[in-house]
């Protein structure tokens, strides 16, 4: 059995994926904007609204959120703008 994935807290921010919230006009200029970042180890960091408690009671079957995880929402346009920056999965 493959070992469970664990986040590496020593990983650094490498590059933004997609456009900024300002470029997508999904911010009103205040602090705190959604972001998608690739880390230097290949993992992805997402900054968005924490709606874990809101969605907890209506998760699809088989979906769980551990106590150290959060369900984060970001604008769909942000992920769409990041699509060209996300490499295709490699077979294997």
C-alpha atoms as a PDB file:
ATOM      1  CA  UNK A   1       0.000   0.000   0.000  1.00  0.00           C
ATOM      2  CA  UNK A   2       1.288   3.462  -0.911  1.00  0.00           C
ATOM      3  CA  UNK A   3       2.042   5.788   1.998  1.00  0.00           C
ATOM      4  CA  UNK A   4      -0.533   8.485   2.731  1.00  0.00           C
ATOM      5  CA  UNK A   5       0.219  11.924   1.324  1.00  0.00           C
ATOM      6  CA  UNK A   6       1.312  14.534   3.836  1.00  0.00           C
ATOM      7  CA  UNK A   7       1.829  18.238   3.251  1.00  0.00           C
ATOM      8  CA  UNK A   8       5.438  19.404   3.533  1.00  0.00           C
ATOM      9  CA  UNK A   9       5.469  22.591   5.633  1.00  0.00           C
ATOM     10  CA  UNK A  10       9.003  23.411   4.452  1.00  0.00           C
ATOM     11  CA  UNK A  11       7.900  23.806   0.794  1.00  0.00           C
ATOM     12  CA  UNK A  12       8.136  27.335  -0.627  1.00  0.00           C
ATOM     13  CA  UNK A  13       5.915  29.248  -3.019  1.00  0.00           C
ATOM     14  CA  UNK A  14       7.250  28.735  -6.553  1.00  0.00           C
ATOM     15  CA  UNK A  15       4.777  30.365  -8.962  1.00  0.00           C
ATOM     16  CA  UNK A  16       1.223  31.634  -9.201  1.00  0.00           C
ATOM     17  CA  UNK A  17      -1.095  29.520 -11.327  1.00  0.00           C
ATOM     18  CA  UNK A  18      -3.466  31.558 -13.436  1.00  0.00           C
ATOM     19  CA  UNK A  19      -4.348  35.186 -12.949  1.00  0.00           C
ATOM     20  CA  UNK A  20      -4.635  37.277  -9.815  1.00  0.00           C
ATOM     21  CA  UNK A  21      -8.029  38.068  -8.299  1.00  0.00           C
ATOM     22  CA  UNK A  22      -7.457  41.673  -9.353  1.00  0.00           C
ATOM     23  CA  UNK A  23      -6.881  40.649 -12.993  1.00  0.00           C
ATOM     24  CA  UNK A  24     -10.085  38.569 -12.881  1.00  0.00           C
ATOM     25  CA  UNK A  25     -12.013  41.408 -11.207  1.00  0.00           C
ATOM     26  CA  UNK A  26     -13.024  39.086  -8.358  1.00  0.00           C
ATOM     27  CA  UNK A  27     -11.808  41.344  -5.584  1.00  0.00           C
ATOM     28  CA  UNK A  28     -12.863  44.701  -4.287  1.00  0.00           C
ATOM     29  CA  UNK A  29      -9.295  45.740  -3.540  1.00  0.00           C
ATOM     30  CA  UNK A  30      -9.344  44.822   0.144  1.00  0.00           C
ATOM     31  CA  UNK A  31      -6.875  42.503   1.856  1.00  0.00           C
ATOM     32  CA  UNK A  32      -7.417  38.802   1.364  1.00  0.00           C
ATOM     33  CA  UNK A  33      -7.778  37.606  -2.202  1.00  0.00           C
ATOM     34  CA  UNK A  34      -8.081  34.057  -3.539  1.00  0.00           C
ATOM     35  CA  UNK A  35      -4.904  32.582  -5.029  1.00  0.00           C
ATOM     36  CA  UNK A  36      -3.593  29.316  -6.503  1.00  0.00           C
ATOM     37  CA  UNK A  37       0.127  28.611  -6.143  1.00  0.00           C
ATOM     38  CA  UNK A  38       2.469  25.807  -7.105  1.00  0.00           C
ATOM     39  CA  UNK A  39       4.980  25.012  -4.379  1.00  0.00           C
ATOM     40  CA  UNK A  40       8.602  24.112  -5.075  1.00  0.00           C
ATOM     41  CA  UNK A  41       7.855  20.436  -4.358  1.00  0.00           C
ATOM     42  CA  UNK A  42       5.025  20.317  -6.930  1.00  0.00           C
ATOM     43  CA  UNK A  43       2.169  20.527  -4.409  1.00  0.00           C
ATOM     44  CA  UNK A  44      -0.534  23.174  -4.843  1.00  0.00           C
ATOM     45  CA  UNK A  45      -1.558  25.804  -2.291  1.00  0.00           C
ATOM     46  CA  UNK A  46      -5.042  27.350  -2.515  1.00  0.00           C
ATOM     47  CA  UNK A  47      -6.151  30.486  -0.708  1.00  0.00           C
ATOM     48  CA  UNK A  48      -9.914  30.959  -0.620  1.00  0.00           C
ATOM     49  CA  UNK A  49     -12.925  31.219   1.641  1.00  0.00           C
ATOM     50  CA  UNK A  50     -13.110  28.560   4.364  1.00  0.00           C
ATOM     51  CA  UNK A  51     -16.594  27.034   4.088  1.00  0.00           C
ATOM     52  CA  UNK A  52     -15.807  23.738   5.817  1.00  0.00           C
ATOM     53  CA  UNK A  53     -18.569  24.107   8.392  1.00  0.00           C
ATOM     54  CA  UNK A  54     -21.098  25.216   5.771  1.00  0.00           C
ATOM     55  CA  UNK A  55     -20.549  22.160   3.556  1.00  0.00           C
ATOM     56  CA  UNK A  56     -19.783  19.542   6.238  1.00  0.00           C
ATOM     57  CA  UNK A  57     -23.338  18.172   6.480  1.00  0.00           C
ATOM     58  CA  UNK A  58     -23.786  17.854   2.717  1.00  0.00           C
ATOM     59  CA  UNK A  59     -20.572  16.286   1.482  1.00  0.00           C
ATOM     60  CA  UNK A  60     -20.996  13.639  -1.240  1.00  0.00           C
ATOM     61  CA  UNK A  61     -20.851   9.981  -0.182  1.00  0.00           C
ATOM     62  CA  UNK A  62     -17.286   8.875   0.446  1.00  0.00           C
ATOM     63  CA  UNK A  63     -15.966  12.427   0.958  1.00  0.00           C
ATOM     64  CA  UNK A  64     -14.548  13.275   4.362  1.00  0.00           C
ATOM     65  CA  UNK A  65     -12.671  16.237   5.771  1.00  0.00           C
ATOM     66  CA  UNK A  66     -10.085  15.465   8.431  1.00  0.00           C
ATOM     67  CA  UNK A  67      -9.797  17.726  11.454  1.00  0.00           C
ATOM     68  CA  UNK A  68      -6.598  19.212   9.982  1.00  0.00           C
ATOM     69  CA  UNK A  69      -8.199  19.901   6.561  1.00  0.00           C
ATOM     70  CA  UNK A  70     -10.442  22.716   5.342  1.00  0.00           C
ATOM     71  CA  UNK A  71     -12.852  22.948   2.394  1.00  0.00           C
ATOM     72  CA  UNK A  72     -11.874  26.082   0.497  1.00  0.00           C
ATOM     73  CA  UNK A  73     -13.930  27.867  -2.155  1.00  0.00           C
ATOM     74  CA  UNK A  74     -12.469  30.139  -4.813  1.00  0.00           C
ATOM     75  CA  UNK A  75     -13.964  31.753  -7.922  1.00  0.00           C
ATOM     76  CA  UNK A  76     -14.403  29.347 -10.829  1.00  0.00           C
ATOM     77  CA  UNK A  77     -12.806  31.885 -13.155  1.00  0.00           C
ATOM     78  CA  UNK A  78      -9.628  31.622 -11.097  1.00  0.00           C
ATOM     79  CA  UNK A  79      -9.252  27.879 -11.691  1.00  0.00           C
ATOM     80  CA  UNK A  80     -10.200  28.304 -15.360  1.00  0.00           C
ATOM     81  CA  UNK A  81      -7.484  30.935 -15.770  1.00  0.00           C
ATOM     82  CA  UNK A  82      -4.961  28.548 -14.196  1.00  0.00           C
ATOM     83  CA  UNK A  83      -5.726  25.692 -16.611  1.00  0.00           C
ATOM     84  CA  UNK A  84      -2.897  26.574 -19.055  1.00  0.00           C
ATOM     85  CA  UNK A  85      -0.416  26.591 -16.136  1.00  0.00           C
ATOM     86  CA  UNK A  86      -1.415  23.125 -14.857  1.00  0.00           C
ATOM     87  CA  UNK A  87       0.470  20.273 -16.525  1.00  0.00           C
ATOM     88  CA  UNK A  88      -1.354  17.177 -17.715  1.00  0.00           C
ATOM     89  CA  UNK A  89      -1.047  14.095 -15.517  1.00  0.00           C
ATOM     90  CA  UNK A  90       1.707  11.679 -16.474  1.00  0.00           C
ATOM     91  CA  UNK A  91       0.794   8.000 -16.882  1.00  0.00           C
ATOM     92  CA  UNK A  92       2.071   5.716 -14.255  1.00  0.00           C
END
